[in-house]
């Protein structure tokens, strides 16, 4: 029951933060950049600035689905960002390029996160079976001890991944804002808007990391209390 209370609480927090991010994106999508470039052009300029020639910029699907894939070195920008000539597009495009720069410069935290991806994916699949076991009465006695240990390990991995993600995301935003400011792609109020939008984007990762950490601590304390 405690797990579902925690899950519900942080789901609400995540919903509110996500709503705030969407509101900020909409607000700054109404503010054109003085440079006049769209997101794809801005991403191309930033990559050239850092001498990165092996990363493709493609148009993805959906809204706020922008991401950098280090496996195939692709920056996928949502249509709003790819074609947008506004502050939101500039901020998001530069942020994703920040990840490409991290990759090119072998940023240690990005490398660590990439290495954790298959482990986290496996751990997430295992969690489903663990909860099924708990629902069918394996949560008591000797078997329950092993179940709790497994839950602590899998949620510990998830929490570690979420915490490692934080410096990766904050650093990508920092790189983006420095480049936007130094090149004059965003000026004055435009830069302030880009900074505000990226801050709220970072808050989605903060809320996710807090949720993962609290769930891990919940199962860890439950395990220790059962001894």
Protein backbone atom coordinates (compact mmCIF):
# COMPACT_ATOMS: atom_id res chain seq x y z
CA UNK A 1 0.00 0.00 0.00
CA UNK A 2 2.86 2.37 0.84
CA UNK A 3 4.31 1.90 -2.63
CA UNK A 4 1.05 2.88 -4.32
CA UNK A 5 0.70 5.98 -2.11
CA UNK A 6 4.22 7.07 -3.07
CA UNK A 7 3.53 6.28 -6.72
CA UNK A 8 0.29 8.27 -6.67
CA UNK A 9 1.91 11.27 -4.97
CA UNK A 10 4.83 11.51 -7.38
CA UNK A 11 2.59 10.80 -10.36
CA UNK A 12 0.64 13.91 -9.37
CA UNK A 13 3.85 15.93 -8.99
CA UNK A 14 5.07 14.67 -12.37
CA UNK A 15 1.73 15.58 -13.96
CA UNK A 16 1.89 19.12 -12.57
CA UNK A 17 5.51 19.66 -13.62
CA UNK A 18 4.82 18.25 -17.08
CA UNK A 19 1.82 20.56 -17.40
CA UNK A 20 3.98 23.51 -16.43
CA UNK A 21 6.59 22.54 -19.02
CA UNK A 22 3.95 22.33 -21.76
CA UNK A 23 2.65 25.73 -20.70
CA UNK A 24 6.15 27.23 -20.90
CA UNK A 25 6.79 25.62 -24.28
CA UNK A 26 3.54 27.06 -25.62
CA UNK A 27 4.33 30.48 -24.17
CA UNK A 28 7.79 30.71 -25.70
CA UNK A 29 6.66 29.20 -28.99
CA UNK A 30 4.87 32.53 -29.46
CA UNK A 31 8.17 34.42 -29.17
CA UNK A 32 10.13 34.48 -32.45
CA UNK A 33 13.92 34.49 -32.36
CA UNK A 34 15.73 37.43 -33.88
CA UNK A 35 18.00 35.01 -35.76
CA UNK A 36 15.04 33.73 -37.77
CA UNK A 37 16.43 30.19 -37.87
CA UNK A 38 14.27 27.15 -37.23
CA UNK A 39 15.19 24.37 -34.83
CA UNK A 40 16.84 22.18 -37.45
CA UNK A 41 18.99 25.06 -38.67
CA UNK A 42 19.99 25.97 -35.12
CA UNK A 43 20.95 22.36 -34.40
CA UNK A 44 23.03 22.28 -37.58
CA UNK A 45 24.81 25.51 -36.64
CA UNK A 46 25.63 24.27 -33.15
CA UNK A 47 26.98 20.97 -34.45
CA UNK A 48 29.19 22.76 -36.97
CA UNK A 49 30.40 25.11 -34.26
CA UNK A 50 31.72 22.12 -32.31
CA UNK A 51 33.10 20.39 -35.39
CA UNK A 52 30.62 17.51 -35.20
CA UNK A 53 29.97 16.16 -38.68
CA UNK A 54 28.72 12.63 -38.02
CA UNK A 55 25.39 13.44 -36.33
CA UNK A 56 22.18 13.49 -38.38
CA UNK A 57 19.27 15.82 -37.65
CA UNK A 58 15.90 14.29 -38.47
CA UNK A 59 12.27 15.23 -37.96
CA UNK A 60 10.52 12.97 -35.46
CA UNK A 61 6.87 12.61 -34.54
CA UNK A 62 4.70 13.79 -31.68
CA UNK A 63 5.14 16.70 -29.29
CA UNK A 64 8.10 17.17 -26.92
CA UNK A 65 9.57 13.87 -28.12
CA UNK A 66 12.93 15.44 -28.96
CA UNK A 67 15.97 13.32 -28.12
CA UNK A 68 19.53 12.45 -29.04
CA UNK A 69 20.31 8.80 -29.80
CA UNK A 70 24.00 8.08 -29.11
CA UNK A 71 23.73 4.64 -30.72
CA UNK A 72 23.11 5.90 -34.24
CA UNK A 73 24.17 9.52 -33.60
CA UNK A 74 20.82 11.03 -34.51
CA UNK A 75 19.08 14.11 -33.17
CA UNK A 76 15.32 13.66 -33.60
CA UNK A 77 13.37 16.89 -33.30
CA UNK A 78 9.58 16.99 -33.01
CA UNK A 79 7.84 18.87 -35.87
CA UNK A 80 7.21 21.90 -33.63
CA UNK A 81 10.92 22.17 -32.87
CA UNK A 82 12.29 21.09 -36.25
CA UNK A 83 10.30 23.72 -38.14
CA UNK A 84 9.77 26.26 -35.35
CA UNK A 85 11.40 29.69 -35.54
CA UNK A 86 10.81 30.59 -31.93
CA UNK A 87 12.48 30.54 -28.51
CA UNK A 88 11.11 27.12 -27.51
CA UNK A 89 12.47 25.52 -30.68
CA UNK A 90 15.85 27.16 -30.19
CA UNK A 91 16.10 26.00 -26.57
CA UNK A 92 15.10 22.40 -27.25
CA UNK A 93 17.23 22.04 -30.39
CA UNK A 94 20.30 23.43 -28.64
CA UNK A 95 19.68 21.18 -25.62
CA UNK A 96 19.62 18.04 -27.77
CA UNK A 97 22.79 19.23 -29.49
CA UNK A 98 24.25 19.58 -26.01
CA UNK A 99 23.92 15.81 -25.68
CA UNK A 100 25.67 15.31 -29.02
CA UNK A 101 28.52 17.53 -27.78
CA UNK A 102 28.68 15.48 -24.57
CA UNK A 103 28.98 12.33 -26.66
CA UNK A 104 31.68 13.81 -28.91
CA UNK A 105 33.67 14.94 -25.87
CA UNK A 106 33.17 11.63 -24.01
CA UNK A 107 31.34 13.23 -21.08
CA UNK A 108 31.66 10.66 -18.31
CA UNK A 109 28.12 10.89 -16.94
CA UNK A 110 26.61 10.39 -20.40
CA UNK A 111 28.82 7.35 -20.89
CA UNK A 112 27.71 5.98 -17.53
CA UNK A 113 24.04 6.54 -18.35
CA UNK A 114 24.41 4.85 -21.74
CA UNK A 115 26.06 1.85 -20.10
CA UNK A 116 23.22 1.61 -17.59
CA UNK A 117 20.45 1.57 -20.22
CA UNK A 118 20.42 -2.22 -20.88
CA UNK A 119 20.65 -2.94 -17.15
CA UNK A 120 17.72 -0.62 -16.42
CA UNK A 121 15.65 -2.14 -19.22
CA UNK A 122 16.25 -5.65 -17.83
CA UNK A 123 15.52 -4.44 -14.30
CA UNK A 124 12.21 -2.87 -15.39
CA UNK A 125 11.08 -6.15 -16.95
CA UNK A 126 11.99 -8.07 -13.78
CA UNK A 127 9.97 -5.65 -11.62
CA UNK A 128 6.78 -6.68 -13.42
CA UNK A 129 7.28 -10.31 -12.42
CA UNK A 130 8.20 -9.33 -8.87
CA UNK A 131 4.93 -7.43 -8.43
CA UNK A 132 3.02 -10.35 -9.90
CA UNK A 133 4.69 -12.59 -7.32
CA UNK A 134 3.74 -10.21 -4.53
CA UNK A 135 0.13 -10.10 -5.72
CA UNK A 136 -0.11 -13.90 -5.74
CA UNK A 137 0.98 -14.25 -2.14
CA UNK A 138 4.75 -14.58 -2.34
CA UNK A 139 5.26 -11.49 -0.15
CA UNK A 140 5.43 -13.33 3.18
CA UNK A 141 7.83 -15.71 4.83
CA UNK A 142 11.10 -16.93 3.39
CA UNK A 143 10.09 -16.29 -0.21
CA UNK A 144 9.06 -12.78 0.73
CA UNK A 145 12.58 -11.99 1.96
CA UNK A 146 14.03 -12.80 -1.44
CA UNK A 147 11.25 -10.85 -3.11
CA UNK A 148 12.10 -7.76 -1.07
CA UNK A 149 15.81 -8.12 -1.83
CA UNK A 150 15.04 -8.35 -5.53
CA UNK A 151 12.79 -5.28 -5.34
CA UNK A 152 15.48 -3.31 -3.51
CA UNK A 153 18.07 -4.23 -6.14
CA UNK A 154 15.88 -3.46 -9.16
CA UNK A 155 14.56 -0.18 -7.76
CA UNK A 156 18.09 0.69 -6.68
CA UNK A 157 19.20 0.36 -10.29
CA UNK A 158 16.30 2.54 -11.43
CA UNK A 159 17.14 5.17 -8.82
CA UNK A 160 20.81 5.16 -9.80
CA UNK A 161 19.90 5.66 -13.46
CA UNK A 162 17.58 8.56 -12.58
CA UNK A 163 20.23 10.24 -10.45
CA UNK A 164 22.91 9.83 -13.13
CA UNK A 165 20.48 11.35 -15.64
CA UNK A 166 20.29 14.62 -13.67
CA UNK A 167 23.83 15.91 -14.31
CA UNK A 168 23.56 14.76 -17.93
CA UNK A 169 20.43 16.85 -18.49
CA UNK A 170 21.59 19.88 -16.54
CA UNK A 171 24.95 19.87 -18.34
CA UNK A 172 23.28 19.63 -21.76
CA UNK A 173 21.12 22.65 -20.89
CA UNK A 174 24.17 24.54 -19.64
CA UNK A 175 26.02 23.88 -22.90
CA UNK A 176 22.95 24.90 -24.89
CA UNK A 177 22.50 28.19 -23.04
CA UNK A 178 26.19 29.10 -23.27
CA UNK A 179 26.15 28.53 -27.02
CA UNK A 180 22.86 30.38 -27.54
CA UNK A 181 24.22 33.35 -25.59
CA UNK A 182 27.71 33.43 -27.11
CA UNK A 183 26.47 33.18 -30.68
CA UNK A 184 23.58 35.61 -30.20
CA UNK A 185 21.04 33.13 -31.55
CA UNK A 186 18.88 34.19 -28.61
CA UNK A 187 19.23 37.71 -27.24
CA UNK A 188 17.97 39.43 -24.09
CA UNK A 189 14.43 38.32 -23.30
CA UNK A 190 14.78 35.49 -25.84
CA UNK A 191 17.68 34.03 -23.85
CA UNK A 192 15.76 34.42 -20.59
CA UNK A 193 12.85 32.54 -22.13
CA UNK A 194 15.10 29.72 -23.34
CA UNK A 195 16.62 29.45 -19.88
CA UNK A 196 13.18 29.34 -18.24
CA UNK A 197 11.92 26.64 -20.63
CA UNK A 198 14.98 24.45 -20.10
CA UNK A 199 14.72 24.84 -16.33
CA UNK A 200 11.21 23.41 -16.36
CA UNK A 201 12.33 20.62 -18.66
CA UNK A 202 15.01 19.76 -16.10
CA UNK A 203 12.39 19.73 -13.33
CA UNK A 204 10.66 16.77 -15.01
CA UNK A 205 13.86 14.77 -14.51
CA UNK A 206 14.20 16.00 -10.93
CA UNK A 207 10.68 14.83 -10.03
CA UNK A 208 11.34 11.47 -11.69
CA UNK A 209 14.62 11.05 -9.81
CA UNK A 210 12.99 11.91 -6.47
CA UNK A 211 10.23 9.38 -7.12
CA UNK A 212 12.74 6.64 -7.95
CA UNK A 213 14.85 7.44 -4.89
CA UNK A 214 11.88 7.48 -2.49
CA UNK A 215 10.54 4.17 -3.84
CA UNK A 216 13.99 2.59 -3.47
CA UNK A 217 14.28 3.86 0.12
CA UNK A 218 10.78 2.59 0.88
CA UNK A 219 11.62 -0.97 -0.16
CA UNK A 220 15.05 -0.78 1.47
CA UNK A 221 13.57 0.29 4.82
CA UNK A 222 10.83 -2.34 4.47
CA UNK A 223 13.48 -5.00 3.93
CA UNK A 224 15.55 -3.83 6.90
CA UNK A 225 12.45 -3.65 9.09
CA UNK A 226 11.49 -7.21 8.21
CA UNK A 227 14.75 -8.66 9.62
